[in-house]
Amino acid sequence: MEASVVVGRNGVAPQDVVDVARRGARVVLGDDAREALERGAEVVAGLLDKPEPVYGVSTGFGALADTVIPVERSAELQQALVRSHAAGMGPELEQEVIRAMMMLRARSLAMGYSGARPHVAERICEVLNAGIVPVVREHGSVGASGDLAPLAAAALTLTGEGIVDTPTGRKPAAEALADAGLEPLHLTAKEGLALINGTDGMLGMLVMALQDLRDLYLIADVAAAMTVEALLGTDQAYAADLVAMRPQPGQQASAANLRNLLAGSPTVASHRHGDTRVQDAYSLRCTPQVHGAGRDVIGFAATVADNELQSFIDNPVVLNDGRVASCGNFHGAPVAYAADLLRIPVADLSALSERRTDRLLDPARSHGLPPFLTTDAGVNSGLMIAQYTQAAMVTTNRRLAAPASVDTLSTSAGQEDHVSMGWGACRALREVVANLRRILAVEVLAATHAQVLRGQGLPPSGEPLRPGAATGAVAEVVLEAAGGPGPDEHLEPRLAAVERLLETGAVLTAARAHADLT
């Protein structure tokens, strides 16, 4: 039986978002949500005949909030709102982001405080389940009053307008709805506003980035362990009694992972005695401190995301006592700050991985490894330019680490005069996460080459050295997908193959078969 995600009055879990966005899980409106939506819609319907204007129900929007709209034009007002706000430009948004955004808008509506009918939330679920994905442009949200332009483009699809992608190709929304047996949605009072006033796009991107980062920080521990081993480094700096002196939780977890990954390594044991070096470079010795601090930031950002997944986001709010009240819960500051903060440790981890890789490639610092991990340096360049590619992405991540949330500006003729820029913060987060995966892929490939070369017998010992069980298992997976050291070959597809191993989880699966990772 196909798994379904139920959207009800109590929010959803992060995994629900990922399942819908990336795995195509079905979305079902809960019975409790249906009852709450019916109650809210009744409140809004009762306001249409009242003389007092109600924002978003019988008035214009933003700076036009003082313009009263006659009741007979209420439906026209809502449709016009969606059309005018669907003003995005630029590249197309990724489909997983659009699906997450739509699912999260249904989630917020399901709480029953928007004044929309059950039919509206149901239609979002039906469109998702039919595999219909609106074409949404990247630019158009400043992260206050919701992700307006992206959400409006999605809402337009529900009404049979715009262009969509479907399992059978790109087509007009009206045609796609008809193919799925769905009628275009006719919006009534408050419903257009309810469909576009949320932090759903930025929140979806944050949730998916957090899932990716949890895996990537584990992969970073794996990559670091492989590099420590290949550089004939020591695991003594990761000892439990040493890291316990600084009880930062992320540091404790990362150090434990490194100990487990290097446990029983013949390479590490080979130079435990008689090595004249007193200590390793910071890029090796301080790995758990840097990796761990990033893990702690992930924990903070996850708390923000979890809270947002239980939050009602719209304006105005239709309350249980019949009041309709304006509020500022649509402002994306919490999500923006979390996304801004996350990009700092991601940029720093990117730099740390590049520094470790550079040591592997430099014969002056690699303790016997050949230049650029090739056995015929000069004729062959080995992995020299792979590190250039790393460096290029590191500098990109550093630039993207600058906070977006401080770059607020005024919109809507000064009515919306402080915006969160949360959308930009989360778009930048997606980019730095993707770059981090590629940067780690280069390190994993380089460390794998170094393992193979150590196994052939190199100075200072001249004896073949074997890796630990966990790091060796990862190297085997990498060698099968991307090959090992030898005469130069087209490097781009080899790097892409390792990137895919990281993305699919194959590297973590191999490591976890021999080491407990947390």
Protein backbone atom coordinates (compact mmCIF):
# COMPACT_ATOMS: atom_id res chain seq x y z
CA MET A 1 0.00 0.00 0.00
CA GLU A 2 1.38 3.39 -1.01
CA ALA A 3 2.44 5.54 1.94
CA SER A 4 0.52 8.76 2.52
CA VAL A 5 1.22 11.91 4.48
CA VAL A 6 -1.77 13.24 6.38
CA VAL A 7 -1.98 17.00 6.83
CA GLY A 8 -4.09 17.88 9.82
CA ARG A 9 -4.45 20.48 12.52
CA ASN A 10 -1.24 19.56 14.35
CA GLY A 11 1.35 20.19 11.68
CA VAL A 12 3.72 17.73 10.03
CA ALA A 13 7.16 16.21 10.62
CA PRO A 14 10.30 17.07 8.61
CA GLN A 15 10.34 13.59 7.09
CA ASP A 16 6.80 14.17 5.79
CA VAL A 17 8.06 17.16 3.82
CA VAL A 18 10.96 15.18 2.38
CA ASP A 19 8.73 12.23 1.48
CA VAL A 20 6.32 14.42 -0.46
CA ALA A 21 8.97 16.63 -2.08
CA ARG A 22 11.51 13.99 -3.06
CA ARG A 23 9.75 10.64 -3.01
CA GLY A 24 6.31 11.54 -4.36
CA ALA A 25 4.37 10.43 -1.29
CA ARG A 26 0.63 11.05 -1.49
CA VAL A 27 -0.92 13.84 0.57
CA VAL A 28 -4.25 13.37 2.35
CA LEU A 29 -6.30 15.98 4.19
CA GLY A 30 -7.17 14.82 7.71
CA ASP A 31 -10.72 14.77 9.01
CA ASP A 32 -9.81 17.15 11.82
CA ALA A 33 -8.52 19.61 9.24
CA ARG A 34 -11.72 19.39 7.22
CA GLU A 35 -13.79 20.34 10.25
CA ALA A 36 -11.50 23.25 11.12
CA LEU A 37 -11.55 24.54 7.56
CA GLU A 38 -15.34 24.44 7.43
CA ARG A 39 -15.56 26.47 10.63
CA GLY A 40 -13.15 29.12 9.35
CA ALA A 41 -14.91 29.39 6.00
CA GLU A 42 -18.22 29.99 7.78
CA VAL A 43 -16.69 32.86 9.76
CA VAL A 44 -15.42 34.52 6.56
CA ALA A 45 -18.75 34.05 4.79
CA GLY A 46 -20.47 35.78 7.70
CA LEU A 47 -18.22 38.82 7.35
CA LEU A 48 -19.14 39.63 3.78
CA ASP A 49 -22.37 41.42 4.71
CA LYS A 50 -20.93 43.37 7.61
CA PRO A 51 -20.25 47.10 7.13
CA GLU A 52 -16.80 47.04 8.75
CA PRO A 53 -14.01 46.36 6.25
CA VAL A 54 -11.86 43.28 6.92
CA TYR A 55 -8.36 43.12 5.48
CA GLY A 56 -8.06 40.59 2.70
CA VAL A 57 -11.78 39.84 2.76
CA SER A 58 -13.34 43.16 1.76
CA THR A 59 -10.24 45.28 1.15
CA GLY A 60 -7.25 45.43 -1.15
CA PHE A 61 -3.82 44.20 -0.13
CA GLY A 62 -0.57 45.68 1.13
CA ALA A 63 -0.55 49.42 0.51
CA LEU A 64 -4.09 49.06 -0.91
CA ALA A 65 -5.45 47.82 2.42
CA ASP A 66 -7.58 50.98 2.80
CA THR A 67 -9.42 50.31 -0.47
CA VAL A 68 -12.82 48.75 0.28
CA ILE A 69 -14.03 46.14 -2.21
CA PRO A 70 -17.80 45.55 -2.76
CA VAL A 71 -19.00 42.12 -1.74
CA GLU A 72 -20.10 41.27 -5.27
CA ARG A 73 -16.48 41.64 -6.42
CA SER A 74 -14.99 39.46 -3.69
CA ALA A 75 -14.26 36.47 -5.93
CA GLU A 76 -12.83 38.75 -8.60
CA LEU A 77 -10.57 40.31 -5.96
CA GLN A 78 -9.09 36.94 -4.97
CA GLN A 79 -8.44 35.78 -8.53
CA ALA A 80 -6.90 39.14 -9.43
CA LEU A 81 -4.64 38.88 -6.40
CA VAL A 82 -3.25 35.54 -7.51
CA ARG A 83 -2.75 36.68 -11.10
CA SER A 84 -0.97 39.90 -10.18
CA HIS A 85 1.23 38.30 -7.55
CA ALA A 86 2.37 35.53 -9.89
CA ALA A 87 5.14 37.87 -11.03
CA GLY A 88 8.23 35.68 -10.73
CA MET A 89 11.19 35.87 -13.07
CA GLY A 90 14.42 34.04 -13.74
CA PRO A 91 15.33 30.34 -13.78
CA GLU A 92 12.75 27.68 -13.01
CA LEU A 93 12.55 26.48 -9.43
CA GLU A 94 13.44 22.86 -8.68
CA GLN A 95 10.42 20.56 -8.61
CA GLU A 96 11.20 19.25 -5.13
CA VAL A 97 11.06 22.81 -3.78
CA ILE A 98 7.71 23.44 -5.47
CA ARG A 99 6.21 20.22 -4.13
CA ALA A 100 7.46 20.98 -0.62
CA MET A 101 6.05 24.50 -0.83
CA MET A 102 2.61 23.33 -1.96
CA MET A 103 2.43 20.58 0.66
CA LEU A 104 3.35 23.08 3.38
CA ARG A 105 0.71 25.55 2.20
CA ALA A 106 -1.88 22.77 2.51
CA ARG A 107 -0.46 22.04 5.98
CA SER A 108 -0.98 25.62 7.14
CA LEU A 109 -4.48 25.83 5.67
CA ALA A 110 -5.34 22.56 7.40
CA MET A 111 -5.06 24.25 10.80
CA GLY A 112 -8.28 26.07 10.01
CA TYR A 113 -7.31 29.68 10.70
CA SER A 114 -7.16 30.92 7.10
CA GLY A 115 -10.88 31.01 6.37
CA ALA A 116 -10.47 28.86 3.25
CA ARG A 117 -12.88 26.06 2.41
CA PRO A 118 -11.79 22.41 2.73
CA HIS A 119 -12.02 22.22 -1.05
CA VAL A 120 -9.00 24.53 -1.39
CA ALA A 121 -6.66 22.39 0.72
CA GLU A 122 -8.02 19.25 -0.91
CA ARG A 123 -7.27 20.63 -4.36
CA ILE A 124 -3.62 21.20 -3.41
CA CYS A 125 -3.42 17.56 -2.31
CA GLU A 126 -5.10 16.36 -5.51
CA VAL A 127 -2.73 18.34 -7.72
CA LEU A 128 0.30 16.96 -5.86
CA ASN A 129 -1.03 13.41 -6.06
CA ALA A 130 -1.62 13.75 -9.79
CA GLY A 131 2.04 14.62 -10.31
CA ILE A 132 1.20 18.12 -11.54
CA VAL A 133 4.00 20.57 -10.74
CA PRO A 134 3.56 24.27 -11.56
CA VAL A 135 6.35 26.06 -13.37
CA VAL A 136 7.60 28.56 -10.78
CA ARG A 137 10.35 31.12 -11.27
CA GLU A 138 13.15 31.61 -8.77
CA HIS A 139 12.90 35.34 -8.12
CA GLY A 140 9.88 37.03 -6.55
CA SER A 141 9.96 36.48 -2.79
CA VAL A 142 11.50 38.84 -0.24
CA GLY A 143 10.33 36.67 2.63
CA ALA A 144 7.62 38.84 4.16
CA SER A 145 3.88 38.54 3.61
CA GLY A 146 5.00 35.10 2.60
CA ASP A 147 6.77 33.77 -0.45
CA LEU A 148 4.34 35.75 -2.54
CA ALA A 149 5.33 35.30 -6.18
CA PRO A 150 6.30 31.60 -5.90
CA LEU A 151 3.15 30.72 -3.95
CA ALA A 152 1.00 32.73 -6.34
CA ALA A 153 2.40 30.81 -9.31
CA ALA A 154 1.44 27.58 -7.57
CA ALA A 155 -2.00 28.94 -6.65
CA LEU A 156 -2.60 29.97 -10.25
CA THR A 157 -2.36 26.32 -11.26
CA LEU A 158 -5.26 25.43 -8.97
CA THR A 159 -7.45 27.89 -10.90
CA GLY A 160 -6.49 26.42 -14.26
CA GLU A 161 -4.02 29.09 -15.33
CA GLY A 162 -0.28 29.01 -15.95
CA ILE A 163 2.01 26.25 -17.20
CA VAL A 164 2.77 22.98 -15.42
CA ASP A 165 4.88 19.87 -15.73
CA THR A 166 3.10 16.51 -15.61
CA PRO A 167 4.07 12.85 -15.97
CA THR A 168 3.21 13.20 -19.67
CA GLY A 169 5.01 16.46 -20.32
CA ARG A 170 4.66 20.23 -20.01
CA LYS A 171 1.26 21.70 -20.77
CA PRO A 172 -1.21 24.45 -19.80
CA ALA A 173 -2.59 24.03 -16.28
CA ALA A 174 -6.20 23.80 -17.52
CA GLU A 175 -5.30 20.86 -19.74
CA ALA A 176 -3.39 19.12 -16.96
CA LEU A 177 -6.29 19.51 -14.53
CA ALA A 178 -8.70 18.13 -17.10
CA ASP A 179 -6.45 15.14 -17.74
CA ALA A 180 -6.47 14.45 -13.98
CA GLY A 181 -10.26 14.79 -13.79
CA LEU A 182 -10.08 18.02 -11.77
CA GLU A 183 -12.11 21.21 -12.24
CA PRO A 184 -10.39 24.60 -11.97
CA LEU A 185 -10.79 26.06 -8.49
CA HIS A 186 -13.04 29.13 -8.19
CA LEU A 187 -11.75 31.21 -5.32
CA THR A 188 -14.05 32.88 -2.83
CA ALA A 189 -13.43 35.49 -0.12
CA LYS A 190 -9.99 35.33 1.54
CA GLU A 191 -8.88 32.22 -0.35
CA GLY A 192 -6.50 33.86 -2.80
CA LEU A 193 -4.73 35.60 0.07
CA ALA A 194 -4.65 32.37 2.08
CA LEU A 195 -2.89 30.59 -0.78
CA ILE A 196 0.03 33.03 -1.06
CA ASN A 197 0.69 34.29 2.48
CA GLY A 198 3.19 31.84 3.99
CA THR A 199 6.82 30.93 4.58
CA ASP A 200 6.28 27.61 2.84
CA GLY A 201 8.90 27.86 0.10
CA MET A 202 11.72 28.93 2.35
CA LEU A 203 10.69 26.44 5.03
CA GLY A 204 10.65 23.57 2.54
CA MET A 205 14.16 24.47 1.41
CA LEU A 206 15.37 24.68 5.01
CA VAL A 207 13.92 21.27 5.91
CA MET A 208 15.51 19.56 2.90
CA ALA A 209 18.84 21.30 3.49
CA LEU A 210 18.86 20.08 7.08
CA GLN A 211 18.32 16.51 5.98
CA ASP A 212 21.18 16.82 3.48
CA LEU A 213 23.48 18.45 6.01
CA ARG A 214 22.98 15.75 8.63
CA ASP A 215 24.29 13.22 6.10
CA LEU A 216 27.02 15.50 4.80
CA TYR A 217 28.44 16.12 8.27
CA LEU A 218 28.64 12.36 8.76
CA ILE A 219 30.32 12.05 5.36
CA ALA A 220 32.72 14.79 6.42
CA ASP A 221 33.72 12.65 9.41
CA VAL A 222 34.28 9.71 7.04
CA ALA A 223 36.33 11.83 4.64
CA ALA A 224 38.39 13.24 7.50
CA ALA A 225 39.11 9.78 8.91
CA MET A 226 40.27 8.59 5.48
CA THR A 227 42.53 11.63 5.14
CA VAL A 228 43.99 11.29 8.65
CA GLU A 229 44.80 7.69 7.83
CA ALA A 230 46.30 8.53 4.43
CA LEU A 231 48.47 11.31 5.90
CA LEU A 232 49.74 8.98 8.62
CA GLY A 233 48.03 11.15 11.21
CA THR A 234 47.12 10.19 14.74
CA ASP A 235 43.76 9.54 16.35
CA GLN A 236 45.04 10.53 19.79
CA ALA A 237 43.55 14.04 19.59
CA TYR A 238 40.09 12.45 19.37
CA ALA A 239 40.40 10.55 22.64
CA ALA A 240 37.24 10.60 24.72
CA ASP A 241 38.91 12.02 27.83
CA LEU A 242 40.38 14.92 25.84
CA VAL A 243 37.21 15.97 24.04
CA ALA A 244 35.21 15.54 27.26
CA MET A 245 37.08 18.52 28.65
CA ARG A 246 35.05 20.67 26.29
CA PRO A 247 31.49 19.32 26.53
CA GLN A 248 30.10 20.65 23.27
CA PRO A 249 27.68 17.96 22.06
CA GLY A 250 28.57 18.15 18.37
CA GLN A 251 32.27 17.85 19.14
CA GLN A 252 31.62 14.77 21.27
CA ALA A 253 29.66 13.11 18.46
CA SER A 254 32.19 13.92 15.74
CA ALA A 255 35.14 12.73 17.84
CA ALA A 256 33.32 9.48 18.60
CA ASN A 257 32.70 8.96 14.89
CA LEU A 258 36.38 9.51 14.12
CA ARG A 259 37.45 7.05 16.82
CA ASN A 260 35.02 4.44 15.51
CA LEU A 261 36.04 4.95 11.90
CA LEU A 262 39.74 4.62 12.70
CA ALA A 263 39.41 1.80 15.23
CA GLY A 264 41.70 -1.11 14.41
CA SER A 265 43.32 0.66 11.46
CA PRO A 266 46.66 -0.98 10.63
CA THR A 267 47.78 2.28 9.01
CA VAL A 268 47.18 4.29 12.19
CA ALA A 269 48.85 1.60 14.28
CA SER A 270 51.89 1.45 11.99
CA HIS A 271 53.35 4.74 13.21
CA ARG A 272 51.92 4.94 16.72
CA HIS A 273 55.45 4.48 18.08
CA GLY A 274 58.63 5.98 16.74
CA ASP A 275 56.97 8.81 14.79
CA THR A 276 59.01 11.98 15.34
CA ARG A 277 56.04 14.31 14.75
CA VAL A 278 54.60 15.81 17.92
CA GLN A 279 51.18 16.75 16.58
CA ASP A 280 49.14 16.99 13.38
CA ALA A 281 48.13 20.17 11.58
CA TYR A 282 44.96 21.93 12.67
CA SER A 283 43.04 20.66 9.63
CA LEU A 284 43.41 17.15 11.05
CA ARG A 285 43.70 17.70 14.78
CA CYS A 286 40.78 20.14 15.07
CA THR A 287 38.37 18.17 12.89
CA PRO A 288 35.89 17.28 15.68
CA GLN A 289 35.88 20.86 16.94
CA VAL A 290 34.97 22.29 13.53
CA HIS A 291 32.67 19.48 12.44
CA GLY A 292 31.03 19.43 15.85
CA ALA A 293 30.32 23.15 16.00
CA GLY A 294 28.53 22.86 12.67
CA ARG A 295 26.46 19.96 13.97
CA ASP A 296 25.37 22.13 16.90
CA VAL A 297 24.21 24.85 14.50
CA ILE A 298 22.25 22.21 12.60
CA GLY A 299 20.55 21.32 15.88
CA PHE A 300 19.49 24.93 16.44
CA ALA A 301 18.21 25.32 12.89
CA ALA A 302 16.30 22.04 13.18
CA THR A 303 14.50 23.39 16.25
CA VAL A 304 13.45 26.46 14.25
CA ALA A 305 12.22 24.28 11.39
CA ASP A 306 10.35 21.91 13.72
CA ASN A 307 8.59 24.85 15.38
CA GLU A 308 7.68 26.34 12.01
CA LEU A 309 6.21 23.01 10.87
CA GLN A 310 3.76 23.26 13.78
CA SER A 311 2.98 26.95 13.15
CA PHE A 312 0.05 28.62 11.47
CA ILE A 313 1.31 31.10 8.88
CA ASP A 314 -1.15 33.52 7.26
CA ASN A 315 -2.63 36.97 7.67
CA PRO A 316 -5.25 37.88 8.70
CA VAL A 317 -6.09 35.08 11.12
CA VAL A 318 -9.60 33.68 11.52
CA LEU A 319 -9.91 32.89 15.23
CA ASN A 320 -12.17 30.40 16.99
CA ASP A 321 -14.20 33.19 18.58
CA GLY A 322 -15.11 34.60 15.18
CA ARG A 323 -12.59 37.44 15.16
CA VAL A 324 -10.43 38.17 12.15
CA ALA A 325 -7.16 39.71 13.32
CA SER A 326 -4.06 40.95 11.55
CA CYS A 327 -0.70 39.65 12.75
CA GLY A 328 2.90 39.35 11.60
CA ASN A 329 3.41 35.58 11.70
CA PHE A 330 4.06 35.52 7.97
CA HIS A 331 7.39 37.29 8.48
CA GLY A 332 10.23 34.92 7.60
CA ALA A 333 12.80 36.15 10.14
CA PRO A 334 13.09 32.84 12.10
CA VAL A 335 13.71 30.83 8.93
CA ALA A 336 15.98 33.50 7.45
CA TYR A 337 18.20 33.64 10.52
CA ALA A 338 18.48 29.85 10.65
CA ALA A 339 19.44 29.64 6.97
CA ASP A 340 21.92 32.50 7.33
CA LEU A 341 23.52 30.91 10.36
CA LEU A 342 23.81 27.49 8.71
CA ARG A 343 25.76 28.83 5.76
CA ILE A 344 28.64 29.95 8.01
CA PRO A 345 29.67 26.47 9.27
CA VAL A 346 28.98 24.97 5.84
CA ALA A 347 31.41 27.45 4.28
CA ASP A 348 33.96 26.72 7.00
CA LEU A 349 33.61 22.95 6.63
CA SER A 350 34.09 23.42 2.87
CA ALA A 351 37.37 25.21 3.56
CA LEU A 352 38.52 22.57 6.04
CA SER A 353 37.90 19.75 3.57
CA GLU A 354 39.82 21.62 0.88
CA ARG A 355 42.79 22.13 3.27
CA ARG A 356 42.88 18.43 4.07
CA THR A 357 42.78 17.58 0.37
CA ASP A 358 45.59 20.01 -0.38
CA ARG A 359 47.80 18.25 2.17
CA LEU A 360 47.14 14.93 0.45
CA LEU A 361 48.31 16.36 -2.87
CA ASP A 362 51.41 18.23 -1.67
CA PRO A 363 54.52 15.98 -1.43
CA ALA A 364 56.09 18.42 1.03
CA ARG A 365 53.34 17.70 3.56
CA SER A 366 51.92 14.29 2.65
CA HIS A 367 54.58 12.10 4.31
CA GLY A 368 55.65 10.06 1.33
CA LEU A 369 52.69 10.29 -1.03
CA PRO A 370 53.59 11.16 -4.64
CA PRO A 371 52.79 14.63 -6.02
CA PHE A 372 49.07 15.06 -6.70
CA LEU A 373 48.62 11.33 -6.02
CA THR A 374 49.94 10.19 -9.37
CA THR A 375 52.85 7.79 -9.89
CA ASP A 376 54.15 9.59 -12.98
CA ALA A 377 53.99 13.26 -11.97
CA GLY A 378 54.91 15.62 -14.77
CA VAL A 379 53.47 13.60 -17.60
CA ASN A 380 50.39 13.17 -15.41
CA SER A 381 48.79 15.85 -13.22
CA GLY A 382 46.75 13.45 -11.09
CA LEU A 383 44.23 15.26 -8.92
CA MET A 384 45.89 18.67 -9.15
CA ILE A 385 42.97 20.45 -10.80
CA ALA A 386 40.36 18.66 -8.71
CA GLN A 387 41.71 20.73 -5.82
CA TYR A 388 41.35 23.86 -7.98
CA THR A 389 37.70 22.94 -8.44
CA GLN A 390 37.37 22.53 -4.69
CA ALA A 391 38.98 25.92 -4.13
CA ALA A 392 36.58 27.57 -6.59
CA MET A 393 33.59 26.18 -4.73
CA VAL A 394 35.08 27.11 -1.35
CA THR A 395 35.34 30.73 -2.41
CA THR A 396 31.76 30.62 -3.71
CA ASN A 397 30.56 29.25 -0.38
CA ARG A 398 32.46 31.94 1.48
CA ARG A 399 30.72 34.66 -0.53
CA LEU A 400 27.35 32.98 0.00
CA ALA A 401 27.96 32.83 3.76
CA ALA A 402 27.21 36.57 3.99
CA PRO A 403 23.81 37.00 5.71
CA ALA A 404 20.80 37.79 3.54
CA SER A 405 18.55 38.77 6.45
CA VAL A 406 20.41 42.00 7.19
CA ASP A 407 19.75 43.18 3.63
CA THR A 408 16.11 44.08 4.30
CA LEU A 409 14.38 46.67 2.12
CA SER A 410 10.99 48.35 1.81
CA THR A 411 8.17 47.13 -0.46
CA SER A 412 4.51 47.89 -1.19
CA ALA A 413 4.83 51.68 -0.99
CA GLY A 414 6.31 51.46 2.50
CA GLN A 415 3.51 49.37 4.02
CA GLU A 416 5.74 46.30 4.06
CA ASP A 417 8.84 48.23 5.10
CA HIS A 418 10.92 45.46 6.70
CA VAL A 419 11.25 42.13 4.95
CA SER A 420 13.14 39.01 6.00
CA MET A 421 14.91 38.03 2.77
CA GLY A 422 14.40 34.46 3.97
CA TRP A 423 13.85 33.20 0.44
CA GLY A 424 17.26 34.47 -0.63
CA ALA A 425 18.82 33.03 2.53
CA CYS A 426 17.41 29.58 1.73
CA ARG A 427 18.28 29.73 -1.96
CA ALA A 428 21.88 30.47 -0.97
CA LEU A 429 21.74 27.61 1.54
CA ARG A 430 20.76 25.15 -1.19
CA GLU A 431 23.73 26.25 -3.25
CA VAL A 432 26.31 25.97 -0.47
CA VAL A 433 24.98 22.52 0.50
CA ALA A 434 25.35 21.31 -3.09
CA ASN A 435 28.86 22.74 -3.24
CA LEU A 436 29.78 21.09 0.07
CA ARG A 437 28.76 17.70 -1.31
CA ARG A 438 31.04 18.21 -4.31
CA ILE A 439 33.93 19.45 -2.15
CA LEU A 440 33.68 16.38 0.08
CA ALA A 441 33.53 14.17 -3.01
CA VAL A 442 36.93 15.47 -4.07
CA GLU A 443 38.39 14.74 -0.64
CA VAL A 444 36.93 11.24 -0.58
CA LEU A 445 38.37 10.50 -4.04
CA ALA A 446 41.78 11.89 -3.08
CA ALA A 447 41.87 9.93 0.17
CA THR A 448 40.91 6.78 -1.72
CA HIS A 449 43.80 7.29 -4.15
CA ALA A 450 46.11 7.82 -1.19
CA GLN A 451 44.93 4.58 0.43
CA VAL A 452 45.71 2.64 -2.74
CA LEU A 453 49.16 4.18 -2.95
CA ARG A 454 49.88 3.45 0.73
CA GLY A 455 48.96 -0.14 0.01
CA GLN A 456 51.74 -0.30 -2.58
CA GLY A 457 54.43 0.47 0.00
CA LEU A 458 55.67 4.04 0.23
CA PRO A 459 58.10 5.98 2.43
CA PRO A 460 58.69 6.38 5.25
CA SER A 461 58.20 2.70 6.08
CA GLY A 462 58.23 1.22 2.58
CA GLU A 463 55.78 -1.39 3.83
CA PRO A 464 52.28 -1.82 2.34
CA LEU A 465 49.72 -0.30 4.70
CA ARG A 466 46.12 -1.35 4.97
CA PRO A 467 43.24 0.96 5.99
CA GLY A 468 40.72 0.27 8.72
CA ALA A 469 37.60 -1.75 8.00
CA ALA A 470 35.26 1.25 7.67
CA THR A 471 37.54 3.52 5.65
CA GLY A 472 38.63 0.60 3.50
CA ALA A 473 35.02 -0.29 2.72
CA VAL A 474 34.37 3.27 1.56
CA ALA A 475 37.46 3.17 -0.63
CA GLU A 476 36.26 -0.04 -2.27
CA VAL A 477 32.95 1.59 -3.18
CA VAL A 478 34.75 4.61 -4.59
CA LEU A 479 37.23 2.53 -6.58
CA GLU A 480 34.41 0.55 -8.16
CA ALA A 481 32.56 3.71 -9.21
CA ALA A 482 35.43 6.05 -10.10
CA GLY A 483 38.65 4.07 -10.36
CA GLY A 484 41.95 4.65 -8.61
CA PRO A 485 45.32 6.29 -9.26
CA GLY A 486 46.98 5.74 -12.61
CA PRO A 487 47.51 7.50 -15.94
CA ASP A 488 45.40 10.64 -16.32
CA GLU A 489 41.84 10.13 -17.52
CA HIS A 490 38.94 12.48 -18.03
CA LEU A 491 38.43 13.55 -14.44
CA GLU A 492 35.01 15.21 -14.57
CA PRO A 493 32.94 12.00 -14.83
CA ARG A 494 35.00 10.40 -12.07
CA LEU A 495 34.29 13.30 -9.73
CA ALA A 496 30.61 13.16 -10.66
CA ALA A 497 30.53 9.44 -9.88
CA VAL A 498 31.82 10.07 -6.35
CA GLU A 499 29.36 12.93 -5.90
CA ARG A 500 26.57 10.49 -6.76
CA LEU A 501 27.88 8.03 -4.16
CA LEU A 502 27.58 10.74 -1.54
CA GLU A 503 24.12 11.78 -2.71
CA THR A 504 22.69 8.26 -2.83
CA GLY A 505 24.05 7.31 0.58
CA ALA A 506 26.39 4.60 -0.71
CA VAL A 507 29.41 6.03 1.11
CA LEU A 508 27.59 6.20 4.44
CA THR A 509 26.18 2.72 3.97
CA ALA A 510 29.67 1.32 3.41
CA ALA A 511 31.09 3.11 6.44
CA ARG A 512 28.19 2.17 8.70
CA ALA A 513 28.65 -1.50 7.90
CA HIS A 514 31.85 -1.37 9.99
CA ALA A 515 31.51 1.65 12.30
CA ASP A 516 28.83 3.09 14.54
CA LEU A 517 28.14 6.68 13.35
CA THR A 518 25.92 9.22 15.07
